[in-house]
Protein backbone atom coordinates (compact mmCIF):
# COMPACT_ATOMS: atom_id res chain seq x y z
CA MET A 1 82.15 267.00 -49.31
CA HIS A 2 82.74 269.94 -52.16
CA ALA A 3 81.85 273.05 -49.89
CA LEU A 4 84.13 271.91 -47.27
CA GLU A 5 87.10 271.40 -49.78
CA GLN A 6 86.14 274.55 -51.66
CA LYS A 7 86.96 276.43 -47.81
CA ILE A 8 89.59 274.62 -47.50
CA LEU A 9 91.43 276.02 -50.63
CA ASN A 10 89.77 279.25 -50.53
CA GLU A 11 90.78 279.70 -46.64
CA GLY A 12 92.97 277.15 -45.46
CA ILE A 13 96.54 277.98 -44.64
CA VAL A 14 99.55 275.33 -45.44
CA LEU A 15 102.16 275.73 -42.37
CA SER A 16 104.48 273.01 -43.78
CA ASP A 17 104.01 269.93 -45.33
CA LYS A 18 102.24 268.37 -42.34
CA VAL A 19 99.98 271.13 -40.54
CA LEU A 20 96.92 273.11 -42.16
CA LYS A 21 95.44 275.76 -40.51
CA VAL A 22 91.83 276.09 -40.57
CA ASP A 23 91.47 278.61 -38.15
CA ALA A 24 89.21 280.70 -40.40
CA PHE A 25 85.88 278.55 -39.90
CA LEU A 26 86.29 275.68 -38.27
CA ASN A 27 88.77 275.42 -35.08
CA HIS A 28 88.83 279.33 -33.60
CA GLN A 29 86.49 281.33 -35.65
CA ILE A 30 83.45 278.64 -36.94
CA ASP A 31 81.18 278.98 -40.31
CA PRO A 32 77.97 278.04 -38.93
CA VAL A 33 76.57 277.31 -42.34
CA LEU A 34 79.21 275.44 -43.27
CA MET A 35 78.77 273.75 -39.76
CA GLN A 36 75.37 272.93 -40.72
CA GLN A 37 76.26 271.45 -44.01
CA ILE A 38 78.91 269.44 -41.96
CA GLY A 39 76.19 268.03 -39.34
CA LYS A 40 73.97 266.86 -42.53
CA GLU A 41 76.89 265.13 -44.03
CA PHE A 42 77.43 263.11 -41.39
CA ALA A 43 74.07 262.10 -39.94
CA ALA A 44 73.31 261.24 -43.68
CA ARG A 45 75.93 258.97 -43.69
CA PHE A 46 75.77 257.60 -40.55
CA LYS A 47 71.54 257.56 -40.18
CA ASP A 48 71.27 253.61 -40.10
CA ALA A 49 73.77 253.47 -37.19
CA GLY A 50 71.06 253.45 -34.50
CA ILE A 51 73.34 256.40 -32.87
CA THR A 52 72.03 257.42 -29.43
CA LYS A 53 75.31 259.63 -28.37
CA ILE A 54 77.85 261.73 -29.99
CA ILE A 55 81.47 262.00 -28.77
CA THR A 56 83.84 264.22 -29.32
CA ILE A 57 86.63 266.32 -27.64
CA GLU A 58 87.09 270.02 -26.89
CA ALA A 59 87.32 271.90 -28.46
CA SER A 60 87.39 272.24 -32.21
CA GLY A 61 85.18 268.99 -32.37
CA ILE A 62 82.40 270.61 -30.48
CA ALA A 63 80.81 272.75 -33.66
CA PRO A 64 80.64 269.85 -35.94
CA ALA A 65 79.26 267.41 -33.35
CA VAL A 66 76.72 269.44 -32.18
CA MET A 67 75.50 270.22 -35.80
CA ALA A 68 75.43 266.59 -36.28
CA GLY A 69 73.61 266.04 -33.02
CA LEU A 70 71.06 268.10 -33.99
CA GLU A 71 70.47 266.41 -37.60
CA LEU A 72 70.19 263.30 -35.24
CA GLY A 73 68.21 264.30 -32.31
CA VAL A 74 70.84 262.13 -29.98
CA PRO A 75 73.03 264.30 -27.12
CA VAL A 76 76.53 265.48 -27.61
CA ILE A 77 78.92 264.72 -24.81
CA PHE A 78 82.57 266.40 -24.78
CA ALA A 79 85.66 265.07 -23.46
CA ARG A 80 87.15 267.63 -21.86
CA LYS A 81 91.04 267.81 -21.45
CA TYR A 82 91.52 269.06 -17.88
CA GLN A 83 89.85 268.84 -14.84
CA SER A 84 87.46 271.35 -13.35
CA LEU A 85 85.38 272.03 -9.76
CA THR A 86 82.16 269.95 -11.25
CA LEU A 87 84.05 267.34 -13.36
CA LYS A 88 85.84 265.12 -11.06
CA ASP A 89 84.10 262.48 -9.47
CA ASP A 90 83.12 259.11 -11.63
CA LEU A 91 84.92 259.49 -14.99
CA TYR A 92 85.64 257.87 -17.41
CA ARG A 93 89.77 258.98 -18.55
CA SER A 94 91.87 258.39 -21.15
CA LYS A 95 95.52 259.65 -22.48
CA VAL A 96 95.60 261.41 -25.93
CA PHE A 97 98.46 262.63 -27.81
CA SER A 98 98.04 265.72 -29.80
CA PHE A 99 99.96 266.06 -33.16
CA THR A 100 99.43 269.60 -33.73
CA LYS A 101 100.38 270.82 -30.05
CA GLN A 102 102.96 267.95 -29.42
CA THR A 103 101.62 267.29 -25.88
CA GLU A 104 99.74 264.87 -24.26
CA SER A 105 96.43 265.30 -22.25
CA THR A 106 94.19 263.39 -20.02
CA ILE A 107 90.56 263.47 -21.57
CA ALA A 108 87.66 262.77 -19.35
CA ILE A 109 83.66 262.29 -19.38
CA SER A 110 81.20 261.75 -16.85
CA ASN A 111 79.94 258.23 -16.36
CA LYS A 112 76.59 259.49 -15.98
CA HIS A 113 76.17 260.23 -19.63
CA LEU A 114 77.36 256.93 -21.28
CA ASN A 115 76.32 253.47 -20.59
CA SER A 116 76.26 249.87 -21.92
CA HIS A 117 72.71 250.85 -23.93
CA ASP A 118 74.86 253.60 -26.12
CA LYS A 119 75.67 253.26 -29.36
CA ALA A 120 78.24 256.05 -29.85
CA LEU A 121 79.39 258.01 -32.78
CA VAL A 122 82.83 259.66 -32.38
CA ILE A 123 83.13 263.00 -34.31
CA ASP A 124 86.35 265.14 -34.57
CA ASP A 125 88.13 268.20 -36.72
CA PHE A 126 91.22 266.41 -37.79
CA LEU A 127 92.43 262.60 -38.18
CA ALA A 128 96.38 262.78 -38.27
CA ASN A 129 97.54 259.94 -36.09
CA GLY A 130 94.47 259.01 -34.67
CA GLN A 131 95.21 259.23 -30.94
CA ALA A 132 92.43 261.49 -30.01
CA ALA A 133 89.63 259.30 -31.83
CA LEU A 134 91.43 255.92 -30.29
CA GLY A 135 91.22 258.34 -26.70
CA LEU A 136 87.43 258.90 -27.28
CA ALA A 137 86.53 255.48 -28.53
CA ASP A 138 88.69 254.46 -25.36
CA LEU A 139 85.97 256.37 -23.16
CA ILE A 140 83.25 254.63 -25.24
CA HIS A 141 84.61 250.88 -24.14
CA GLN A 142 85.35 252.11 -20.81
CA ALA A 143 81.09 252.52 -20.75
CA ASN A 144 80.72 249.05 -22.50
CA ALA A 145 79.29 251.27 -25.22
CA GLU A 146 79.58 250.03 -28.86
CA VAL A 147 81.55 252.78 -31.13
CA VAL A 148 79.31 253.23 -34.29
CA GLY A 149 81.58 255.18 -36.57
CA ILE A 150 84.31 257.80 -36.49
CA GLY A 151 83.58 260.97 -38.41
CA ILE A 152 86.26 263.28 -39.17
CA VAL A 153 85.97 266.80 -40.73
CA ILE A 154 89.51 266.93 -42.40
CA GLU A 155 91.80 263.84 -43.06
CA LYS A 156 95.42 263.83 -43.47
CA SER A 157 95.27 260.74 -45.46
CA PHE A 158 99.37 260.97 -45.55
CA GLN A 159 99.53 260.37 -41.81
CA SER A 160 98.89 257.10 -40.37
CA GLY A 161 95.73 257.59 -38.19
CA ARG A 162 93.33 256.49 -40.70
CA GLN A 163 94.96 253.21 -41.33
CA LEU A 164 95.22 252.74 -37.50
CA LEU A 165 91.38 253.40 -36.93
CA LEU A 166 90.57 250.92 -39.87
CA ASP A 167 93.12 248.18 -38.35
CA LYS A 168 91.13 248.03 -35.32
CA GLY A 169 87.78 247.16 -36.88
CA TYR A 170 86.33 251.14 -36.72
CA ARG A 171 84.20 252.45 -39.59
CA VAL A 172 85.98 255.96 -40.77
CA GLU A 173 84.13 258.65 -42.65
CA SER A 174 86.01 261.72 -43.65
CA LEU A 175 84.23 264.49 -45.12
CA ALA A 176 87.83 265.94 -46.92
CA ARG A 177 90.43 263.55 -47.09
CA VAL A 178 93.76 265.63 -47.87
CA GLN A 179 96.42 263.81 -49.75
CA SER A 180 99.48 266.42 -49.46
CA LEU A 181 100.20 269.46 -48.13
CA GLU A 182 103.95 269.40 -50.44
CA ASN A 183 105.08 272.61 -51.56
CA GLY A 184 102.27 274.89 -49.74
CA THR A 185 99.18 273.35 -51.97
CA VAL A 186 96.44 271.17 -51.03
CA THR A 187 95.72 268.32 -52.89
CA PHE A 188 92.74 265.95 -51.98
CA CYS A 189 92.22 261.99 -52.06
CA ARG A 190 90.31 261.08 -54.75
CA ASP A 191 88.90 257.51 -54.41
């Protein structure tokens, strides 16, 4: 997706050969015009998948997921990373290790919103080691629902996440695939 790649080149900050900071438009401040384009792109790529729900994880996956949900006309469920007073019973739970934060979290969604008739699309902001996507897929499987695909805004293709998800049989659609962050420069995959 050209607009996303340009935004990464213009406003992304390479912090190391493994970390790309995109808080100017994706995961702190949000560019709503770009998010709308991202939602349309995900909707176009998955339009024939019969999606009934979109599943994401708080907080950075919410904006692209909501925009895709708007385009597809389906509800969006976001997995919470912590327990709240209102979300404590009848939950699907999974553990997720965050590459960026280097911490493990328990994520949860209510079993009232996802069931065996659902066809769910996972959407997340980044794909590095694949653990967030696997955790979300686990929640969907606990509901006996179907994972129809995994949509990623920015994939770090030099890490193992994509292959892990493909090996498990998931369809992965990434809008920007970063091949390298070496020497402070973002290089995209061209395949």
